[in-house]
Amino acid sequence: MTITCHLLDADGQALREVPAQAGRSLMRSLKDAGLDIEASCEGSLACGTCLVHLDETWFARLPAPAPDEAALLDWLDGRRPTSRLACQIRVEQAMDGLRLAIAA
């Protein structure tokens, strides 16, 4: 099943709708959609270059980061209170409408 994510600009306004496949990582869906997200380690939780900022409402709805993700997030410049690593978010049907921005 495919859900729709809404990519936001710096002001929180929707720029583009992005399809995401349930069961895959959010990072993979963003890359497959041709978005400019580095993701150097390809999802092995080693780099932090797939940093995204989630809409506050959506951040609260997702499970908390695992301890290893939280530890890496602590080291990243540009982290916000609603930041996550896209490689660590498994897309689910209940995430349809997810709103996020790719960190600059």
N, C-alpha and C. Protein backbone atom coordinates (compact mmCIF):
# COMPACT_ATOMS: atom_id res chain seq x y z
N MET A 1 0.84 -1.18 0.00
CA MET A 1 0.00 0.00 0.00
C MET A 1 0.88 1.24 0.00
N THR A 2 0.45 2.22 -0.74
CA THR A 2 1.17 3.49 -0.83
C THR A 2 0.41 4.55 -0.05
N ILE A 3 1.16 5.34 0.71
CA ILE A 3 0.58 6.48 1.41
C ILE A 3 1.15 7.75 0.79
N THR A 4 0.61 8.88 1.18
CA THR A 4 1.09 10.16 0.70
C THR A 4 1.72 10.94 1.85
N CYS A 5 2.94 11.40 1.62
CA CYS A 5 3.62 12.30 2.56
C CYS A 5 3.60 13.70 1.95
N HIS A 6 3.62 14.69 2.79
CA HIS A 6 3.63 16.08 2.33
C HIS A 6 4.96 16.71 2.71
N LEU A 7 5.76 17.04 1.71
CA LEU A 7 7.04 17.69 1.92
C LEU A 7 6.78 19.17 2.16
N LEU A 8 7.36 19.71 3.21
CA LEU A 8 7.12 21.09 3.61
C LEU A 8 8.33 21.97 3.31
N ASP A 9 8.08 23.26 3.12
CA ASP A 9 9.16 24.21 2.99
C ASP A 9 9.54 24.73 4.38
N ALA A 10 10.48 25.65 4.44
CA ALA A 10 10.97 26.16 5.72
C ALA A 10 9.88 26.84 6.55
N ASP A 11 8.83 27.32 5.90
CA ASP A 11 7.74 27.98 6.62
C ASP A 11 6.61 27.01 6.99
N GLY A 12 6.80 25.74 6.73
CA GLY A 12 5.79 24.74 7.06
C GLY A 12 4.67 24.62 6.06
N GLN A 13 4.85 25.20 4.88
CA GLN A 13 3.85 25.12 3.82
C GLN A 13 4.16 23.92 2.92
N ALA A 14 3.13 23.21 2.49
CA ALA A 14 3.31 22.03 1.64
C ALA A 14 3.89 22.44 0.29
N LEU A 15 4.96 21.74 -0.10
CA LEU A 15 5.59 21.97 -1.40
C LEU A 15 5.20 20.91 -2.42
N ARG A 16 5.10 19.69 -1.94
CA ARG A 16 4.95 18.57 -2.86
C ARG A 16 4.41 17.36 -2.12
N GLU A 17 3.63 16.56 -2.82
CA GLU A 17 3.19 15.28 -2.29
C GLU A 17 4.16 14.21 -2.74
N VAL A 18 4.51 13.32 -1.83
CA VAL A 18 5.49 12.27 -2.11
C VAL A 18 4.88 10.92 -1.74
N PRO A 19 4.88 9.97 -2.67
CA PRO A 19 4.37 8.65 -2.33
C PRO A 19 5.38 7.89 -1.48
N ALA A 20 4.88 7.09 -0.55
CA ALA A 20 5.75 6.26 0.29
C ALA A 20 5.10 4.89 0.42
N GLN A 21 5.91 3.87 0.27
CA GLN A 21 5.42 2.50 0.29
C GLN A 21 5.41 1.96 1.72
N ALA A 22 4.26 1.50 2.17
CA ALA A 22 4.16 0.90 3.51
C ALA A 22 5.11 -0.28 3.60
N GLY A 23 5.77 -0.40 4.75
CA GLY A 23 6.71 -1.49 4.98
C GLY A 23 8.15 -1.13 4.66
N ARG A 24 8.37 -0.03 3.98
CA ARG A 24 9.73 0.41 3.64
C ARG A 24 10.12 1.58 4.54
N SER A 25 11.39 1.92 4.53
CA SER A 25 11.82 3.07 5.32
C SER A 25 11.39 4.36 4.62
N LEU A 26 11.15 5.38 5.41
CA LEU A 26 10.81 6.69 4.86
C LEU A 26 11.96 7.20 4.00
N MET A 27 13.19 6.95 4.42
CA MET A 27 14.36 7.38 3.66
C MET A 27 14.34 6.80 2.25
N ARG A 28 14.05 5.52 2.12
CA ARG A 28 14.03 4.87 0.81
C ARG A 28 12.94 5.49 -0.07
N SER A 29 11.77 5.77 0.51
CA SER A 29 10.69 6.38 -0.27
C SER A 29 11.07 7.78 -0.74
N LEU A 30 11.74 8.55 0.10
CA LEU A 30 12.16 9.90 -0.29
C LEU A 30 13.18 9.84 -1.41
N LYS A 31 14.14 8.92 -1.29
CA LYS A 31 15.14 8.75 -2.36
C LYS A 31 14.49 8.28 -3.66
N ASP A 32 13.57 7.31 -3.55
CA ASP A 32 12.90 6.79 -4.74
C ASP A 32 12.09 7.88 -5.45
N ALA A 33 11.62 8.87 -4.69
CA ALA A 33 10.85 9.97 -5.28
C ALA A 33 11.76 11.03 -5.89
N GLY A 34 13.08 10.81 -5.81
CA GLY A 34 14.02 11.74 -6.43
C GLY A 34 14.33 12.97 -5.60
N LEU A 35 14.01 12.92 -4.31
CA LEU A 35 14.27 14.08 -3.46
C LEU A 35 15.74 14.14 -3.06
N ASP A 36 16.18 15.33 -2.76
CA ASP A 36 17.58 15.58 -2.42
C ASP A 36 17.81 15.27 -0.94
N ILE A 37 17.97 13.98 -0.64
CA ILE A 37 18.27 13.55 0.72
C ILE A 37 19.51 12.67 0.60
N GLU A 38 20.57 13.04 1.29
CA GLU A 38 21.86 12.37 1.09
C GLU A 38 21.83 10.89 1.49
N ALA A 39 21.52 10.60 2.74
CA ALA A 39 21.45 9.22 3.22
C ALA A 39 22.69 8.42 2.85
N SER A 40 23.85 8.94 3.21
CA SER A 40 25.13 8.34 2.83
C SER A 40 25.29 6.88 3.22
N CYS A 41 24.81 6.51 4.39
CA CYS A 41 25.01 5.14 4.88
C CYS A 41 23.92 4.19 4.41
N GLU A 42 22.98 4.71 3.61
CA GLU A 42 21.90 3.89 3.05
C GLU A 42 21.04 3.20 4.11
N GLY A 43 20.92 3.82 5.26
CA GLY A 43 20.02 3.30 6.28
C GLY A 43 20.64 2.45 7.35
N SER A 44 21.96 2.47 7.45
CA SER A 44 22.61 1.64 8.48
C SER A 44 22.81 2.37 9.80
N LEU A 45 22.22 3.53 9.95
CA LEU A 45 22.26 4.31 11.19
C LEU A 45 23.69 4.69 11.58
N ALA A 46 24.45 5.15 10.56
CA ALA A 46 25.84 5.48 10.79
C ALA A 46 26.22 6.91 10.45
N CYS A 47 25.29 7.68 9.83
CA CYS A 47 25.73 9.00 9.37
C CYS A 47 24.84 10.17 9.79
N GLY A 48 23.56 9.98 9.83
CA GLY A 48 22.65 11.08 10.19
C GLY A 48 22.31 12.00 9.03
N THR A 49 22.66 11.63 7.80
CA THR A 49 22.41 12.52 6.66
C THR A 49 21.01 12.36 6.06
N CYS A 50 20.16 11.60 6.73
CA CYS A 50 18.76 11.51 6.30
C CYS A 50 17.85 12.20 7.32
N LEU A 51 18.40 13.22 7.98
CA LEU A 51 17.67 13.96 9.00
C LEU A 51 16.46 14.65 8.39
N VAL A 52 15.31 14.46 9.02
CA VAL A 52 14.09 15.14 8.62
C VAL A 52 13.48 15.80 9.85
N HIS A 53 12.68 16.82 9.60
CA HIS A 53 11.95 17.51 10.65
C HIS A 53 10.47 17.22 10.42
N LEU A 54 9.85 16.59 11.37
CA LEU A 54 8.44 16.24 11.26
C LEU A 54 7.57 17.37 11.78
N ASP A 55 6.40 17.48 11.22
CA ASP A 55 5.37 18.36 11.76
C ASP A 55 5.12 17.94 13.20
N GLU A 56 4.92 18.88 14.10
CA GLU A 56 4.76 18.56 15.53
C GLU A 56 3.68 17.53 15.81
N THR A 57 2.55 17.66 15.15
CA THR A 57 1.45 16.72 15.35
C THR A 57 1.87 15.31 14.97
N TRP A 58 2.57 15.18 13.84
CA TRP A 58 2.99 13.86 13.39
C TRP A 58 4.09 13.30 14.27
N PHE A 59 4.99 14.15 14.72
CA PHE A 59 6.07 13.68 15.60
C PHE A 59 5.49 12.99 16.82
N ALA A 60 4.46 13.58 17.39
CA ALA A 60 3.83 13.02 18.59
C ALA A 60 3.11 11.70 18.31
N ARG A 61 2.71 11.47 17.07
CA ARG A 61 1.97 10.26 16.72
C ARG A 61 2.87 9.06 16.42
N LEU A 62 4.13 9.32 16.12
CA LEU A 62 5.05 8.23 15.79
C LEU A 62 5.70 7.67 17.05
N PRO A 63 6.14 6.41 16.99
CA PRO A 63 6.87 5.86 18.14
C PRO A 63 8.14 6.67 18.40
N ALA A 64 8.55 6.71 19.63
CA ALA A 64 9.77 7.44 19.99
C ALA A 64 10.98 6.79 19.32
N PRO A 65 12.03 7.57 19.07
CA PRO A 65 13.24 6.98 18.49
C PRO A 65 13.82 5.92 19.43
N ALA A 66 14.38 4.87 18.83
CA ALA A 66 15.09 3.86 19.61
C ALA A 66 16.34 4.52 20.22
N PRO A 67 16.90 3.94 21.27
CA PRO A 67 18.07 4.56 21.92
C PRO A 67 19.24 4.84 20.97
N ASP A 68 19.51 3.96 20.02
CA ASP A 68 20.63 4.21 19.11
C ASP A 68 20.35 5.39 18.17
N GLU A 69 19.11 5.53 17.73
CA GLU A 69 18.76 6.69 16.91
C GLU A 69 18.83 7.97 17.75
N ALA A 70 18.31 7.92 18.96
CA ALA A 70 18.33 9.10 19.84
C ALA A 70 19.77 9.54 20.12
N ALA A 71 20.67 8.59 20.30
CA ALA A 71 22.07 8.93 20.55
C ALA A 71 22.69 9.63 19.35
N LEU A 72 22.41 9.15 18.15
CA LEU A 72 22.95 9.79 16.95
C LEU A 72 22.32 11.17 16.74
N LEU A 73 21.03 11.28 16.99
CA LEU A 73 20.37 12.59 16.86
C LEU A 73 21.01 13.63 17.76
N ASP A 74 21.43 13.22 18.96
CA ASP A 74 22.05 14.15 19.91
C ASP A 74 23.31 14.81 19.35
N TRP A 75 23.98 14.16 18.41
CA TRP A 75 25.23 14.65 17.87
C TRP A 75 25.06 15.51 16.62
N LEU A 76 23.88 15.57 16.08
CA LEU A 76 23.69 16.22 14.78
C LEU A 76 23.42 17.72 14.89
N ASP A 77 24.13 18.48 14.07
CA ASP A 77 23.83 19.90 13.93
C ASP A 77 22.50 20.02 13.18
N GLY A 78 21.75 21.01 13.49
CA GLY A 78 20.48 21.22 12.80
C GLY A 78 19.34 20.41 13.35
N ARG A 79 19.59 19.68 14.42
CA ARG A 79 18.52 18.89 15.04
C ARG A 79 17.51 19.84 15.69
N ARG A 80 16.25 19.47 15.56
CA ARG A 80 15.15 20.20 16.21
C ARG A 80 14.42 19.24 17.13
N PRO A 81 13.54 19.74 17.96
CA PRO A 81 12.80 18.84 18.86
C PRO A 81 11.97 17.78 18.12
N THR A 82 11.61 18.06 16.87
CA THR A 82 10.80 17.10 16.11
C THR A 82 11.61 16.39 15.02
N SER A 83 12.91 16.33 15.17
CA SER A 83 13.76 15.69 14.18
C SER A 83 13.81 14.18 14.37
N ARG A 84 13.92 13.49 13.25
CA ARG A 84 14.10 12.03 13.23
C ARG A 84 15.01 11.69 12.06
N LEU A 85 15.52 10.47 12.06
CA LEU A 85 16.27 9.95 10.93
C LEU A 85 15.29 9.18 10.06
N ALA A 86 15.18 9.57 8.80
CA ALA A 86 14.20 8.95 7.91
C ALA A 86 14.46 7.46 7.72
N CYS A 87 15.70 7.05 7.87
CA CYS A 87 16.02 5.62 7.70
C CYS A 87 15.45 4.77 8.82
N GLN A 88 15.10 5.40 9.93
CA GLN A 88 14.60 4.67 11.09
C GLN A 88 13.09 4.72 11.23
N ILE A 89 12.43 5.35 10.28
CA ILE A 89 10.97 5.42 10.30
C ILE A 89 10.42 4.43 9.28
N ARG A 90 9.74 3.41 9.76
CA ARG A 90 9.11 2.42 8.88
C ARG A 90 7.73 2.95 8.52
N VAL A 91 7.46 3.10 7.23
CA VAL A 91 6.20 3.64 6.76
C VAL A 91 5.07 2.65 7.06
N GLU A 92 3.99 3.18 7.60
CA GLU A 92 2.79 2.39 7.90
C GLU A 92 1.57 3.09 7.31
N GLN A 93 0.53 2.35 7.08
CA GLN A 93 -0.70 2.90 6.51
C GLN A 93 -1.23 4.07 7.35
N ALA A 94 -1.10 3.97 8.66
CA ALA A 94 -1.61 5.02 9.55
C ALA A 94 -0.84 6.34 9.40
N MET A 95 0.25 6.33 8.65
CA MET A 95 1.05 7.54 8.44
C MET A 95 0.62 8.34 7.22
N ASP A 96 -0.47 7.94 6.57
CA ASP A 96 -0.94 8.66 5.40
C ASP A 96 -1.20 10.12 5.76
N GLY A 97 -0.58 11.02 5.01
CA GLY A 97 -0.70 12.45 5.29
C GLY A 97 0.46 13.02 6.08
N LEU A 98 1.45 12.20 6.41
CA LEU A 98 2.63 12.64 7.17
C LEU A 98 3.20 13.91 6.57
N ARG A 99 3.53 14.86 7.44
CA ARG A 99 4.08 16.14 7.00
C ARG A 99 5.50 16.27 7.54
N LEU A 100 6.45 16.58 6.63
CA LEU A 100 7.85 16.64 7.03
C LEU A 100 8.64 17.56 6.12
N ALA A 101 9.81 17.96 6.60
CA ALA A 101 10.77 18.72 5.80
C ALA A 101 12.10 17.99 5.88
N ILE A 102 12.83 18.00 4.78
CA ILE A 102 14.19 17.43 4.78
C ILE A 102 15.12 18.50 5.33
N ALA A 103 15.96 18.11 6.28
CA ALA A 103 16.89 19.08 6.89
C ALA A 103 17.84 19.62 5.83
N ALA A 104 18.15 20.89 5.96
CA ALA A 104 19.06 21.53 4.99
C ALA A 104 20.50 21.16 5.27
